[in-house]
Amino acid sequence: MSPPTFACQHMPGVTVISVAGDLEAAHADQLDAFITRARRRPGDHVVLDLSEVAFMAQSGLRVLLNVRALTRRHGGDLHLAALQESPARLLTTTGARPVLTVHHSVQAAILAALYASQPPRSEL
């Protein structure tokens, strides 16, 4: 299993983080630290591109749930994108799937996050 690498891109109200490699228990703290450093504001929406993550341990899932809770507490949300079979199965078997916002593609996740980050329009 290969150690993960991380990359970040900022958009208005959205932080997109790409993860590549395996999220074993030993790497959960690295993921958490990277997400914490990458976000501009706690309320920004976070998109996690997991298309290059073939394996995720429960400790990685715990990081995702904690990030979701913190982000939602400040008005944002966590969007997971392009899960491979093993991470998707972990979400299902642990019962976390209904709690997390999962998109089939990175593009769909980014569009949803950008839309959600826009202030509501007032009606005239």
N, C-alpha and C. Protein backbone atom coordinates (compact mmCIF):
# COMPACT_ATOMS: atom_id res chain seq x y z
N MET A 1 0.84 -1.18 0.00
CA MET A 1 0.00 0.00 0.00
C MET A 1 0.88 1.24 0.00
N SER A 2 0.51 2.18 -0.81
CA SER A 2 1.33 3.39 -0.95
C SER A 2 0.83 4.49 -0.03
N PRO A 3 1.76 5.28 0.53
CA PRO A 3 1.35 6.40 1.39
C PRO A 3 0.62 7.45 0.55
N PRO A 4 -0.30 8.16 1.15
CA PRO A 4 -1.09 9.12 0.38
C PRO A 4 -0.32 10.41 0.06
N THR A 5 -0.74 11.02 -1.01
CA THR A 5 -0.28 12.37 -1.36
C THR A 5 -1.53 13.24 -1.47
N PHE A 6 -1.33 14.54 -1.26
CA PHE A 6 -2.46 15.46 -1.22
C PHE A 6 -2.15 16.67 -2.10
N ALA A 7 -3.20 17.22 -2.71
CA ALA A 7 -3.10 18.46 -3.47
C ALA A 7 -4.35 19.27 -3.18
N CYS A 8 -4.23 20.58 -3.35
CA CYS A 8 -5.34 21.47 -2.98
C CYS A 8 -5.56 22.53 -4.05
N GLN A 9 -6.82 22.87 -4.23
CA GLN A 9 -7.21 23.94 -5.14
C GLN A 9 -8.32 24.72 -4.45
N HIS A 10 -8.25 26.06 -4.54
CA HIS A 10 -9.27 26.90 -3.90
C HIS A 10 -10.16 27.54 -4.95
N MET A 11 -11.45 27.56 -4.64
CA MET A 11 -12.46 28.25 -5.43
C MET A 11 -13.26 29.08 -4.44
N PRO A 12 -14.07 30.01 -4.91
CA PRO A 12 -14.85 30.83 -3.97
C PRO A 12 -15.74 29.97 -3.08
N GLY A 13 -15.42 29.93 -1.78
CA GLY A 13 -16.22 29.19 -0.82
C GLY A 13 -16.02 27.69 -0.83
N VAL A 14 -15.09 27.21 -1.65
CA VAL A 14 -14.89 25.76 -1.80
C VAL A 14 -13.40 25.45 -1.81
N THR A 15 -13.01 24.43 -1.06
CA THR A 15 -11.66 23.91 -1.09
C THR A 15 -11.72 22.51 -1.67
N VAL A 16 -11.00 22.28 -2.77
CA VAL A 16 -10.96 20.97 -3.40
C VAL A 16 -9.64 20.31 -3.03
N ILE A 17 -9.73 19.15 -2.42
CA ILE A 17 -8.54 18.42 -2.00
C ILE A 17 -8.52 17.08 -2.72
N SER A 18 -7.45 16.83 -3.44
CA SER A 18 -7.26 15.55 -4.13
C SER A 18 -6.36 14.68 -3.28
N VAL A 19 -6.78 13.44 -3.11
CA VAL A 19 -6.02 12.47 -2.32
C VAL A 19 -5.67 11.31 -3.24
N ALA A 20 -4.41 10.88 -3.19
CA ALA A 20 -3.98 9.71 -3.97
C ALA A 20 -3.19 8.80 -3.05
N GLY A 21 -3.45 7.51 -3.14
CA GLY A 21 -2.77 6.54 -2.30
C GLY A 21 -3.76 5.92 -1.33
N ASP A 22 -3.24 5.14 -0.41
CA ASP A 22 -4.07 4.42 0.54
C ASP A 22 -4.17 5.17 1.86
N LEU A 23 -5.37 5.24 2.41
CA LEU A 23 -5.58 5.91 3.70
C LEU A 23 -5.63 4.87 4.80
N GLU A 24 -4.47 4.35 5.15
CA GLU A 24 -4.35 3.40 6.24
C GLU A 24 -4.43 4.15 7.57
N ALA A 25 -4.53 3.40 8.66
CA ALA A 25 -4.62 4.00 9.98
C ALA A 25 -3.45 4.94 10.25
N ALA A 26 -2.27 4.58 9.79
CA ALA A 26 -1.07 5.38 10.03
C ALA A 26 -1.11 6.72 9.29
N HIS A 27 -2.00 6.86 8.31
CA HIS A 27 -2.04 8.08 7.50
C HIS A 27 -3.22 9.00 7.83
N ALA A 28 -4.07 8.59 8.75
CA ALA A 28 -5.26 9.39 9.06
C ALA A 28 -4.88 10.77 9.59
N ASP A 29 -3.87 10.83 10.43
CA ASP A 29 -3.45 12.13 10.97
C ASP A 29 -2.92 13.05 9.87
N GLN A 30 -2.26 12.48 8.87
CA GLN A 30 -1.75 13.29 7.75
C GLN A 30 -2.91 13.89 6.97
N LEU A 31 -3.95 13.09 6.73
CA LEU A 31 -5.13 13.60 6.03
C LEU A 31 -5.78 14.72 6.82
N ASP A 32 -5.97 14.50 8.11
CA ASP A 32 -6.60 15.50 8.97
C ASP A 32 -5.79 16.80 8.97
N ALA A 33 -4.49 16.69 9.11
CA ALA A 33 -3.63 17.88 9.14
C ALA A 33 -3.67 18.62 7.81
N PHE A 34 -3.67 17.88 6.71
CA PHE A 34 -3.70 18.54 5.40
C PHE A 34 -5.02 19.29 5.19
N ILE A 35 -6.13 18.65 5.54
CA ILE A 35 -7.43 19.31 5.38
C ILE A 35 -7.49 20.57 6.24
N THR A 36 -7.00 20.48 7.46
CA THR A 36 -7.00 21.64 8.36
C THR A 36 -6.20 22.79 7.77
N ARG A 37 -5.02 22.50 7.23
CA ARG A 37 -4.17 23.54 6.63
C ARG A 37 -4.75 24.08 5.34
N ALA A 38 -5.43 23.24 4.57
CA ALA A 38 -5.88 23.62 3.23
C ALA A 38 -7.10 24.54 3.25
N ARG A 39 -7.96 24.36 4.23
CA ARG A 39 -9.19 25.17 4.25
C ARG A 39 -8.87 26.61 4.58
N ARG A 40 -9.50 27.52 3.87
CA ARG A 40 -9.32 28.95 4.15
C ARG A 40 -10.16 29.36 5.35
N ARG A 41 -11.39 28.85 5.42
CA ARG A 41 -12.30 29.16 6.52
C ARG A 41 -13.00 27.86 6.94
N PRO A 42 -13.34 27.72 8.22
CA PRO A 42 -14.01 26.49 8.67
C PRO A 42 -15.33 26.23 7.95
N GLY A 43 -16.02 27.28 7.50
CA GLY A 43 -17.31 27.12 6.84
C GLY A 43 -17.24 26.88 5.35
N ASP A 44 -16.05 26.87 4.78
CA ASP A 44 -15.94 26.55 3.36
C ASP A 44 -16.41 25.12 3.11
N HIS A 45 -16.99 24.92 1.95
CA HIS A 45 -17.33 23.56 1.53
C HIS A 45 -16.02 22.88 1.15
N VAL A 46 -15.92 21.61 1.49
CA VAL A 46 -14.72 20.84 1.17
C VAL A 46 -15.12 19.71 0.23
N VAL A 47 -14.44 19.65 -0.92
CA VAL A 47 -14.62 18.55 -1.86
C VAL A 47 -13.38 17.68 -1.75
N LEU A 48 -13.59 16.40 -1.45
CA LEU A 48 -12.49 15.45 -1.41
C LEU A 48 -12.56 14.56 -2.63
N ASP A 49 -11.59 14.71 -3.51
CA ASP A 49 -11.47 13.86 -4.69
C ASP A 49 -10.77 12.59 -4.23
N LEU A 50 -11.53 11.50 -4.13
CA LEU A 50 -11.00 10.23 -3.67
C LEU A 50 -10.85 9.22 -4.81
N SER A 51 -10.82 9.71 -6.03
CA SER A 51 -10.74 8.83 -7.19
C SER A 51 -9.46 8.00 -7.24
N GLU A 52 -8.42 8.44 -6.55
CA GLU A 52 -7.15 7.72 -6.54
C GLU A 52 -6.89 7.03 -5.21
N VAL A 53 -7.95 6.82 -4.42
CA VAL A 53 -7.82 6.14 -3.13
C VAL A 53 -8.47 4.76 -3.27
N ALA A 54 -7.62 3.73 -3.30
CA ALA A 54 -8.13 2.36 -3.45
C ALA A 54 -8.51 1.74 -2.12
N PHE A 55 -7.94 2.24 -1.02
CA PHE A 55 -8.21 1.67 0.31
C PHE A 55 -8.32 2.79 1.33
N MET A 56 -9.31 2.66 2.22
CA MET A 56 -9.45 3.61 3.33
C MET A 56 -9.78 2.82 4.59
N ALA A 57 -8.99 3.01 5.63
CA ALA A 57 -9.24 2.38 6.93
C ALA A 57 -10.32 3.16 7.67
N GLN A 58 -10.85 2.55 8.72
CA GLN A 58 -11.88 3.22 9.52
C GLN A 58 -11.37 4.52 10.14
N SER A 59 -10.08 4.61 10.40
CA SER A 59 -9.54 5.86 10.95
C SER A 59 -9.64 6.98 9.93
N GLY A 60 -9.52 6.67 8.65
CA GLY A 60 -9.72 7.67 7.60
C GLY A 60 -11.17 8.12 7.55
N LEU A 61 -12.07 7.17 7.71
CA LEU A 61 -13.50 7.51 7.75
C LEU A 61 -13.80 8.40 8.95
N ARG A 62 -13.18 8.12 10.07
CA ARG A 62 -13.37 8.95 11.27
C ARG A 62 -12.95 10.39 10.99
N VAL A 63 -11.83 10.58 10.26
CA VAL A 63 -11.39 11.93 9.88
C VAL A 63 -12.47 12.59 9.03
N LEU A 64 -13.01 11.87 8.06
CA LEU A 64 -14.04 12.44 7.19
C LEU A 64 -15.27 12.86 7.99
N LEU A 65 -15.69 12.03 8.92
CA LEU A 65 -16.86 12.37 9.73
C LEU A 65 -16.60 13.58 10.62
N ASN A 66 -15.40 13.68 11.15
CA ASN A 66 -15.04 14.85 11.97
C ASN A 66 -14.99 16.12 11.13
N VAL A 67 -14.41 16.03 9.94
CA VAL A 67 -14.36 17.19 9.04
C VAL A 67 -15.77 17.62 8.66
N ARG A 68 -16.63 16.65 8.37
CA ARG A 68 -18.01 16.97 8.02
C ARG A 68 -18.69 17.71 9.16
N ALA A 69 -18.54 17.21 10.39
CA ALA A 69 -19.19 17.83 11.55
C ALA A 69 -18.70 19.26 11.74
N LEU A 70 -17.40 19.46 11.69
CA LEU A 70 -16.84 20.81 11.87
C LEU A 70 -17.29 21.74 10.75
N THR A 71 -17.23 21.27 9.53
CA THR A 71 -17.60 22.10 8.39
C THR A 71 -19.08 22.48 8.45
N ARG A 72 -19.93 21.53 8.76
CA ARG A 72 -21.37 21.82 8.85
C ARG A 72 -21.68 22.76 10.02
N ARG A 73 -20.95 22.63 11.10
CA ARG A 73 -21.15 23.52 12.25
C ARG A 73 -20.92 24.98 11.85
N HIS A 74 -20.08 25.19 10.86
CA HIS A 74 -19.76 26.55 10.42
C HIS A 74 -20.47 26.93 9.12
N GLY A 75 -21.43 26.12 8.66
CA GLY A 75 -22.25 26.49 7.52
C GLY A 75 -21.84 25.88 6.20
N GLY A 76 -20.83 25.04 6.17
CA GLY A 76 -20.40 24.38 4.93
C GLY A 76 -20.81 22.92 4.92
N ASP A 77 -20.14 22.15 4.08
CA ASP A 77 -20.40 20.72 4.03
C ASP A 77 -19.18 20.02 3.43
N LEU A 78 -19.12 18.72 3.60
CA LEU A 78 -18.08 17.89 3.02
C LEU A 78 -18.70 17.12 1.87
N HIS A 79 -18.05 17.18 0.71
CA HIS A 79 -18.51 16.47 -0.48
C HIS A 79 -17.43 15.46 -0.88
N LEU A 80 -17.80 14.19 -0.90
CA LEU A 80 -16.87 13.15 -1.33
C LEU A 80 -17.13 12.85 -2.80
N ALA A 81 -16.06 12.64 -3.55
CA ALA A 81 -16.21 12.45 -4.99
C ALA A 81 -15.46 11.23 -5.48
N ALA A 82 -16.11 10.50 -6.38
CA ALA A 82 -15.49 9.44 -7.17
C ALA A 82 -14.86 8.34 -6.32
N LEU A 83 -15.63 7.81 -5.39
CA LEU A 83 -15.12 6.75 -4.52
C LEU A 83 -14.90 5.45 -5.30
N GLN A 84 -13.78 4.81 -5.02
CA GLN A 84 -13.53 3.49 -5.56
C GLN A 84 -14.30 2.46 -4.73
N GLU A 85 -14.25 1.21 -5.15
CA GLU A 85 -15.07 0.16 -4.54
C GLU A 85 -14.81 -0.03 -3.04
N SER A 86 -13.56 -0.14 -2.62
CA SER A 86 -13.26 -0.41 -1.22
C SER A 86 -13.71 0.72 -0.28
N PRO A 87 -13.37 1.98 -0.56
CA PRO A 87 -13.88 3.06 0.31
C PRO A 87 -15.41 3.16 0.30
N ALA A 88 -16.03 2.93 -0.85
CA ALA A 88 -17.49 2.99 -0.93
C ALA A 88 -18.10 1.88 -0.07
N ARG A 89 -17.50 0.70 -0.11
CA ARG A 89 -17.98 -0.41 0.71
C ARG A 89 -17.84 -0.10 2.21
N LEU A 90 -16.73 0.54 2.59
CA LEU A 90 -16.52 0.93 3.99
C LEU A 90 -17.64 1.86 4.46
N LEU A 91 -17.99 2.84 3.64
CA LEU A 91 -19.07 3.76 4.00
C LEU A 91 -20.38 3.02 4.18
N THR A 92 -20.64 2.04 3.33
CA THR A 92 -21.88 1.28 3.40
C THR A 92 -21.91 0.36 4.61
N THR A 93 -20.84 -0.39 4.83
CA THR A 93 -20.84 -1.37 5.92
C THR A 93 -20.83 -0.71 7.30
N THR A 94 -20.28 0.48 7.41
CA THR A 94 -20.25 1.17 8.70
C THR A 94 -21.51 1.99 8.96
N GLY A 95 -22.36 2.14 7.95
CA GLY A 95 -23.56 2.94 8.10
C GLY A 95 -23.33 4.43 7.91
N ALA A 96 -22.13 4.81 7.47
CA ALA A 96 -21.81 6.23 7.30
C ALA A 96 -22.30 6.79 5.96
N ARG A 97 -22.64 5.95 5.03
CA ARG A 97 -23.02 6.39 3.68
C ARG A 97 -24.17 7.40 3.68
N PRO A 98 -25.26 7.16 4.43
CA PRO A 98 -26.36 8.13 4.41
C PRO A 98 -26.00 9.48 5.04
N VAL A 99 -24.98 9.51 5.88
CA VAL A 99 -24.59 10.73 6.58
C VAL A 99 -23.72 11.63 5.71
N LEU A 100 -22.97 11.03 4.80
CA LEU A 100 -22.02 11.79 3.98
C LEU A 100 -22.61 12.10 2.61
N THR A 101 -22.20 13.23 2.06
CA THR A 101 -22.62 13.63 0.73
C THR A 101 -21.62 13.07 -0.27
N VAL A 102 -22.07 12.12 -1.08
CA VAL A 102 -21.19 11.42 -2.03
C VAL A 102 -21.66 11.70 -3.45
N HIS A 103 -20.70 12.06 -4.32
CA HIS A 103 -20.99 12.34 -5.72
C HIS A 103 -20.25 11.34 -6.60
N HIS A 104 -20.83 11.02 -7.74
CA HIS A 104 -20.22 10.03 -8.64
C HIS A 104 -18.96 10.56 -9.32
N SER A 105 -18.83 11.87 -9.42
CA SER A 105 -17.66 12.43 -10.10
C SER A 105 -17.16 13.67 -9.35
N VAL A 106 -15.93 14.01 -9.61
CA VAL A 106 -15.34 15.21 -9.01
C VAL A 106 -16.07 16.45 -9.53
N GLN A 107 -16.36 16.46 -10.81
CA GLN A 107 -17.05 17.61 -11.39
C GLN A 107 -18.41 17.82 -10.74
N ALA A 108 -19.16 16.76 -10.52
CA ALA A 108 -20.48 16.88 -9.88
C ALA A 108 -20.33 17.41 -8.45
N ALA A 109 -19.32 16.94 -7.74
CA ALA A 109 -19.10 17.39 -6.36
C ALA A 109 -18.74 18.88 -6.33
N ILE A 110 -17.87 19.30 -7.23
CA ILE A 110 -17.46 20.71 -7.27
C ILE A 110 -18.65 21.60 -7.61
N LEU A 111 -19.43 21.20 -8.59
CA LEU A 111 -20.61 22.00 -8.97
C LEU A 111 -21.59 22.10 -7.81
N ALA A 112 -21.84 20.99 -7.11
CA ALA A 112 -22.75 21.01 -5.96
C ALA A 112 -22.21 21.90 -4.85
N ALA A 113 -20.92 21.82 -4.59
CA ALA A 113 -20.31 22.64 -3.54
C ALA A 113 -20.34 24.11 -3.90
N LEU A 114 -20.03 24.43 -5.15
CA LEU A 114 -20.08 25.83 -5.59
C LEU A 114 -21.49 26.39 -5.48
N TYR A 115 -22.47 25.59 -5.88
CA TYR A 115 -23.86 26.03 -5.79
C TYR A 115 -24.26 26.25 -4.33
N ALA A 116 -23.89 25.30 -3.47
CA ALA A 116 -24.25 25.39 -2.05
C ALA A 116 -23.54 26.54 -1.35
N SER A 117 -22.39 26.94 -1.86
CA SER A 117 -21.64 28.01 -1.19
C SER A 117 -22.13 29.41 -1.53
N GLN A 118 -23.02 29.51 -2.53
CA GLN A 118 -23.55 30.81 -2.94
C GLN A 118 -24.56 31.29 -1.91
N PRO A 119 -24.54 32.57 -1.58
CA PRO A 119 -25.55 33.09 -0.64
C PRO A 119 -26.94 33.00 -1.28
N PRO A 120 -27.96 32.78 -0.48
CA PRO A 120 -29.32 32.71 -1.04
C PRO A 120 -29.72 34.04 -1.66
N ARG A 121 -30.41 33.94 -2.77
CA ARG A 121 -30.89 35.15 -3.44
C ARG A 121 -32.19 35.60 -2.80
N SER A 122 -32.27 36.88 -2.55
CA SER A 122 -33.52 37.41 -2.00
C SER A 122 -34.49 37.67 -3.13
N GLU A 123 -35.73 37.39 -2.86
CA GLU A 123 -36.78 37.61 -3.88
C GLU A 123 -37.28 39.05 -3.77
N LEU A 124 -37.49 39.62 -4.93
CA LEU A 124 -38.00 41.01 -4.97
C LEU A 124 -39.49 41.03 -5.01
